[in-house]
Structure formats: C-alpha cells, structure tokens
C-alpha cells in the first residue's frame, strides 16, 4: 500500500525559512522512512482482518 503521507514517492518537500525567504528541499518521508510504502498494522498487509 502506498504511504499516505508521501503518496508512494518516498520523500516529502520540506520548507525552511532562510533570512528573507524560504528554501525548499526534499527529505525522506518520516512516515515510511523513504520506502514509499506502508504496511497496515491491522491487517499486516494482507488486506483482510481475520
């Protein structure tokens, strides 16, 4: 299942204030640790709960 935070890309845009403006850069997604996928803890990736 694709990570809901990064949409399966593995990285998210980070925005920092630098003096008078902002600086954007990509950083590994903190939710999926840059993998782009997330395993459901309820069904463990099976898609069904027994």
PDB file of N, CA and C in Angstrom:
ATOM      1  N   UNK A   1       0.848  -1.156   0.000  1.00  0.00           N
ATOM      2  CA  UNK A   1       0.000   0.000   0.000  1.00  0.00           C
ATOM      3  C   UNK A   1       0.907   1.235   0.000  1.00  0.00           C
ATOM      4  N   UNK A   2       0.583   2.214  -0.842  1.00  0.00           N
ATOM      5  CA  UNK A   2       1.361   3.453  -0.885  1.00  0.00           C
ATOM      6  C   UNK A   2       1.231   4.210   0.435  1.00  0.00           C
ATOM      7  N   UNK A   3       2.303   4.828   0.829  1.00  0.00           N
ATOM      8  CA  UNK A   3       2.302   5.664   2.027  1.00  0.00           C
ATOM      9  C   UNK A   3       1.354   6.840   1.801  1.00  0.00           C
ATOM     10  N   UNK A   4       0.481   7.108   2.761  1.00  0.00           N
ATOM     11  CA  UNK A   4      -0.488   8.199   2.605  1.00  0.00           C
ATOM     12  C   UNK A   4       0.155   9.567   2.755  1.00  0.00           C
ATOM     13  N   UNK A   5       1.286   9.646   3.401  1.00  0.00           N
ATOM     14  CA  UNK A   5       1.922  10.951   3.607  1.00  0.00           C
ATOM     15  C   UNK A   5       2.703  11.418   2.389  1.00  0.00           C
ATOM     16  N   UNK A   6       3.439  10.512   1.726  1.00  0.00           N
ATOM     17  CA  UNK A   6       4.256  10.921   0.572  1.00  0.00           C
ATOM     18  C   UNK A   6       3.668  10.469  -0.758  1.00  0.00           C
ATOM     19  N   UNK A   7       2.551   9.728  -0.720  1.00  0.00           N
ATOM     20  CA  UNK A   7       1.904   9.272  -1.942  1.00  0.00           C
ATOM     21  C   UNK A   7       2.692   8.203  -2.676  1.00  0.00           C
ATOM     22  N   UNK A   8       3.597   7.513  -1.984  1.00  0.00           N
ATOM     23  CA  UNK A   8       4.378   6.444  -2.597  1.00  0.00           C
ATOM     24  C   UNK A   8       5.694   6.910  -3.201  1.00  0.00           C
ATOM     25  N   UNK A   9       6.004   8.200  -3.068  1.00  0.00           N
ATOM     26  CA  UNK A   9       7.240   8.733  -3.655  1.00  0.00           C
ATOM     27  C   UNK A   9       8.459   8.491  -2.778  1.00  0.00           C
ATOM     28  N   UNK A  10       8.258   8.353  -1.479  1.00  0.00           N
ATOM     29  CA  UNK A  10       9.370   8.119  -0.564  1.00  0.00           C
ATOM     30  C   UNK A  10       9.999   9.380  -0.006  1.00  0.00           C
ATOM     31  N   UNK A  11       9.627  10.525  -0.537  1.00  0.00           N
ATOM     32  CA  UNK A  11      10.153  11.773   0.007  1.00  0.00           C
ATOM     33  C   UNK A  11       9.058  12.831   0.086  1.00  0.00           C
ATOM     34  N   UNK A  12       9.268  13.799   0.947  1.00  0.00           N
ATOM     35  CA  UNK A  12       8.334  14.894   1.133  1.00  0.00           C
ATOM     36  C   UNK A  12       9.093  16.203   1.014  1.00  0.00           C
ATOM     37  N   UNK A  13       8.390  17.260   0.616  1.00  0.00           N
ATOM     38  CA  UNK A  13       9.018  18.570   0.492  1.00  0.00           C
ATOM     39  C   UNK A  13       9.100  19.221   1.866  1.00  0.00           C
ATOM     40  N   UNK A  14      10.255  19.731   2.176  1.00  0.00           N
ATOM     41  CA  UNK A  14      10.496  20.402   3.443  1.00  0.00           C
ATOM     42  C   UNK A  14      10.776  21.869   3.148  1.00  0.00           C
ATOM     43  N   UNK A  15      10.205  22.749   3.919  1.00  0.00           N
ATOM     44  CA  UNK A  15      10.352  24.186   3.676  1.00  0.00           C
ATOM     45  C   UNK A  15      10.943  24.844   4.921  1.00  0.00           C
ATOM     46  N   UNK A  16      12.054  25.524   4.750  1.00  0.00           N
ATOM     47  CA  UNK A  16      12.736  26.192   5.850  1.00  0.00           C
ATOM     48  C   UNK A  16      12.853  27.673   5.573  1.00  0.00           C
ATOM     49  N   UNK A  17      12.735  28.464   6.615  1.00  0.00           N
ATOM     50  CA  UNK A  17      12.924  29.915   6.499  1.00  0.00           C
ATOM     51  C   UNK A  17      14.416  30.223   6.503  1.00  0.00           C
ATOM     52  N   UNK A  18      14.856  30.954   5.493  1.00  0.00           N
ATOM     53  CA  UNK A  18      16.260  31.350   5.373  1.00  0.00           C
ATOM     54  C   UNK A  18      16.320  32.862   5.182  1.00  0.00           C
ATOM     55  N   UNK A  19      16.547  33.582   6.242  1.00  0.00           N
ATOM     56  CA  UNK A  19      16.650  35.032   6.136  1.00  0.00           C
ATOM     57  C   UNK A  19      15.350  35.658   5.664  1.00  0.00           C
ATOM     58  N   UNK A  20      15.358  36.244   4.486  1.00  0.00           N
ATOM     59  CA  UNK A  20      14.195  36.924   3.940  1.00  0.00           C
ATOM     60  C   UNK A  20      13.269  36.004   3.140  1.00  0.00           C
ATOM     61  N   UNK A  21      13.697  34.780   2.847  1.00  0.00           N
ATOM     62  CA  UNK A  21      12.877  33.907   2.009  1.00  0.00           C
ATOM     63  C   UNK A  21      12.804  32.487   2.550  1.00  0.00           C
ATOM     64  N   UNK A  22      12.275  31.613   1.717  1.00  0.00           N
ATOM     65  CA  UNK A  22      12.144  30.214   2.084  1.00  0.00           C
ATOM     66  C   UNK A  22      13.003  29.359   1.166  1.00  0.00           C
ATOM     67  N   UNK A  23      13.450  28.224   1.693  1.00  0.00           N
ATOM     68  CA  UNK A  23      14.235  27.277   0.919  1.00  0.00           C
ATOM     69  C   UNK A  23      13.505  25.934   0.951  1.00  0.00           C
ATOM     70  N   UNK A  24      13.205  25.381  -0.212  1.00  0.00           N
ATOM     71  CA  UNK A  24      12.523  24.083  -0.311  1.00  0.00           C
ATOM     72  C   UNK A  24      13.520  22.999  -0.670  1.00  0.00           C
ATOM     73  N   UNK A  25      13.369  21.843  -0.066  1.00  0.00           N
ATOM     74  CA  UNK A  25      14.167  20.682  -0.446  1.00  0.00           C
ATOM     75  C   UNK A  25      13.404  19.425  -0.071  1.00  0.00           C
ATOM     76  N   UNK A  26      13.751  18.324  -0.704  1.00  0.00           N
ATOM     77  CA  UNK A  26      13.114  17.043  -0.413  1.00  0.00           C
ATOM     78  C   UNK A  26      13.874  16.329   0.689  1.00  0.00           C
ATOM     79  N   UNK A  27      13.122  15.641   1.525  1.00  0.00           N
ATOM     80  CA  UNK A  27      13.697  14.870   2.616  1.00  0.00           C
ATOM     81  C   UNK A  27      12.963  13.529   2.668  1.00  0.00           C
ATOM     82  N   UNK A  28      13.611  12.453   3.131  1.00  0.00           N
ATOM     83  CA  UNK A  28      12.913  11.175   3.228  1.00  0.00           C
ATOM     84  C   UNK A  28      11.655  11.298   4.085  1.00  0.00           C
ATOM     85  N   UNK A  29      10.619  10.657   3.649  1.00  0.00           N
ATOM     86  CA  UNK A  29       9.342  10.694   4.364  1.00  0.00           C
ATOM     87  C   UNK A  29       9.521  10.098   5.763  1.00  0.00           C
ATOM     88  N   UNK A  30       9.115  10.842   6.804  1.00  0.00           N
ATOM     89  CA  UNK A  30       9.265  10.322   8.163  1.00  0.00           C
ATOM     90  C   UNK A  30       8.296   9.192   8.491  1.00  0.00           C
ATOM     91  N   UNK A  31       7.226   9.065   7.709  1.00  0.00           N
ATOM     92  CA  UNK A  31       6.218   8.037   7.990  1.00  0.00           C
ATOM     93  C   UNK A  31       6.651   6.660   7.475  1.00  0.00           C
ATOM     94  N   UNK A  32       7.203   6.626   6.242  1.00  0.00           N
ATOM     95  CA  UNK A  32       7.593   5.334   5.645  1.00  0.00           C
ATOM     96  C   UNK A  32       9.112   5.168   5.577  1.00  0.00           C
ATOM     97  N   UNK A  33       9.853   6.146   6.110  1.00  0.00           N
ATOM     98  CA  UNK A  33      11.323   6.109   6.132  1.00  0.00           C
ATOM     99  C   UNK A  33      11.920   6.042   4.736  1.00  0.00           C
ATOM    100  N   UNK A  34      11.269   6.706   3.771  1.00  0.00           N
ATOM    101  CA  UNK A  34      11.786   6.782   2.415  1.00  0.00           C
ATOM    102  C   UNK A  34      11.457   5.587   1.542  1.00  0.00           C
ATOM    103  N   UNK A  35      10.712   4.621   2.060  1.00  0.00           N
ATOM    104  CA  UNK A  35      10.369   3.416   1.288  1.00  0.00           C
ATOM    105  C   UNK A  35       9.232   3.670   0.295  1.00  0.00           C
ATOM    106  N   UNK A  36       8.329   4.566   0.606  1.00  0.00           N
ATOM    107  CA  UNK A  36       7.194   4.853  -0.271  1.00  0.00           C
ATOM    108  C   UNK A  36       5.996   3.958  -0.046  1.00  0.00           C
ATOM    109  N   UNK A  37       6.164   2.953   0.801  1.00  0.00           N
ATOM    110  CA  UNK A  37       5.062   2.046   1.103  1.00  0.00           C
ATOM    111  C   UNK A  37       4.856   1.983   2.610  1.00  0.00           C
ATOM    112  N   UNK A  38       3.683   1.544   2.978  1.00  0.00           N
ATOM    113  CA  UNK A  38       3.340   1.434   4.391  1.00  0.00           C
ATOM    114  C   UNK A  38       2.550   0.151   4.588  1.00  0.00           C
ATOM    115  N   UNK A  39       2.924  -0.639   5.568  1.00  0.00           N
ATOM    116  CA  UNK A  39       2.190  -1.869   5.866  1.00  0.00           C
ATOM    117  C   UNK A  39       1.190  -1.581   6.979  1.00  0.00           C
ATOM    118  N   UNK A  40      -0.041  -1.898   6.705  1.00  0.00           N
ATOM    119  CA  UNK A  40      -1.113  -1.712   7.678  1.00  0.00           C
ATOM    120  C   UNK A  40      -0.847  -2.603   8.893  1.00  0.00           C
ATOM    121  N   UNK A  41      -0.883  -2.017  10.086  1.00  0.00           N
ATOM    122  CA  UNK A  41      -0.630  -2.790  11.301  1.00  0.00           C
ATOM    123  C   UNK A  41      -1.841  -3.625  11.702  1.00  0.00           C
ATOM    124  N   UNK A  42      -3.011  -3.285  11.172  1.00  0.00           N
ATOM    125  CA  UNK A  42      -4.219  -4.043  11.492  1.00  0.00           C
ATOM    126  C   UNK A  42      -4.277  -5.344  10.700  1.00  0.00           C
ATOM    127  N   UNK A  43      -4.010  -5.268   9.380  1.00  0.00           N
ATOM    128  CA  UNK A  43      -4.116  -6.469   8.544  1.00  0.00           C
ATOM    129  C   UNK A  43      -2.736  -7.014   8.145  1.00  0.00           C
ATOM    130  N   UNK A  44      -1.668  -6.323   8.543  1.00  0.00           N
ATOM    131  CA  UNK A  44      -0.287  -6.722   8.229  1.00  0.00           C
ATOM    132  C   UNK A  44      -0.041  -6.861   6.734  1.00  0.00           C
ATOM    133  N   UNK A  45      -0.718  -6.027   5.947  1.00  0.00           N
ATOM    134  CA  UNK A  45      -0.510  -6.010   4.510  1.00  0.00           C
ATOM    135  C   UNK A  45      -1.314  -7.028   3.737  1.00  0.00           C
ATOM    136  N   UNK A  46      -2.110  -7.842   4.411  1.00  0.00           N
ATOM    137  CA  UNK A  46      -2.917  -8.860   3.733  1.00  0.00           C
ATOM    138  C   UNK A  46      -4.191  -8.291   3.131  1.00  0.00           C
ATOM    139  N   UNK A  47      -4.648  -7.160   3.613  1.00  0.00           N
ATOM    140  CA  UNK A  47      -5.860  -6.548   3.094  1.00  0.00           C
ATOM    141  C   UNK A  47      -7.132  -7.097   3.717  1.00  0.00           C
ATOM    142  N   UNK A  48      -6.990  -8.010   4.679  1.00  0.00           N
ATOM    143  CA  UNK A  48      -8.166  -8.579   5.333  1.00  0.00           C
ATOM    144  C   UNK A  48      -7.860  -8.817   6.802  1.00  0.00           C
ATOM    145  N   UNK A  49      -8.881  -8.696   7.608  1.00  0.00           N
ATOM    146  CA  UNK A  49      -8.751  -8.940   9.045  1.00  0.00           C
ATOM    147  C   UNK A  49      -9.488 -10.225   9.364  1.00  0.00           C
ATOM    148  N   UNK A  50      -8.800 -11.119  10.049  1.00  0.00           N
ATOM    149  CA  UNK A  50      -9.443 -12.400  10.402  1.00  0.00           C
ATOM    150  C   UNK A  50     -10.084 -12.324  11.760  1.00  0.00           C
TER     151      UNK A  50
END
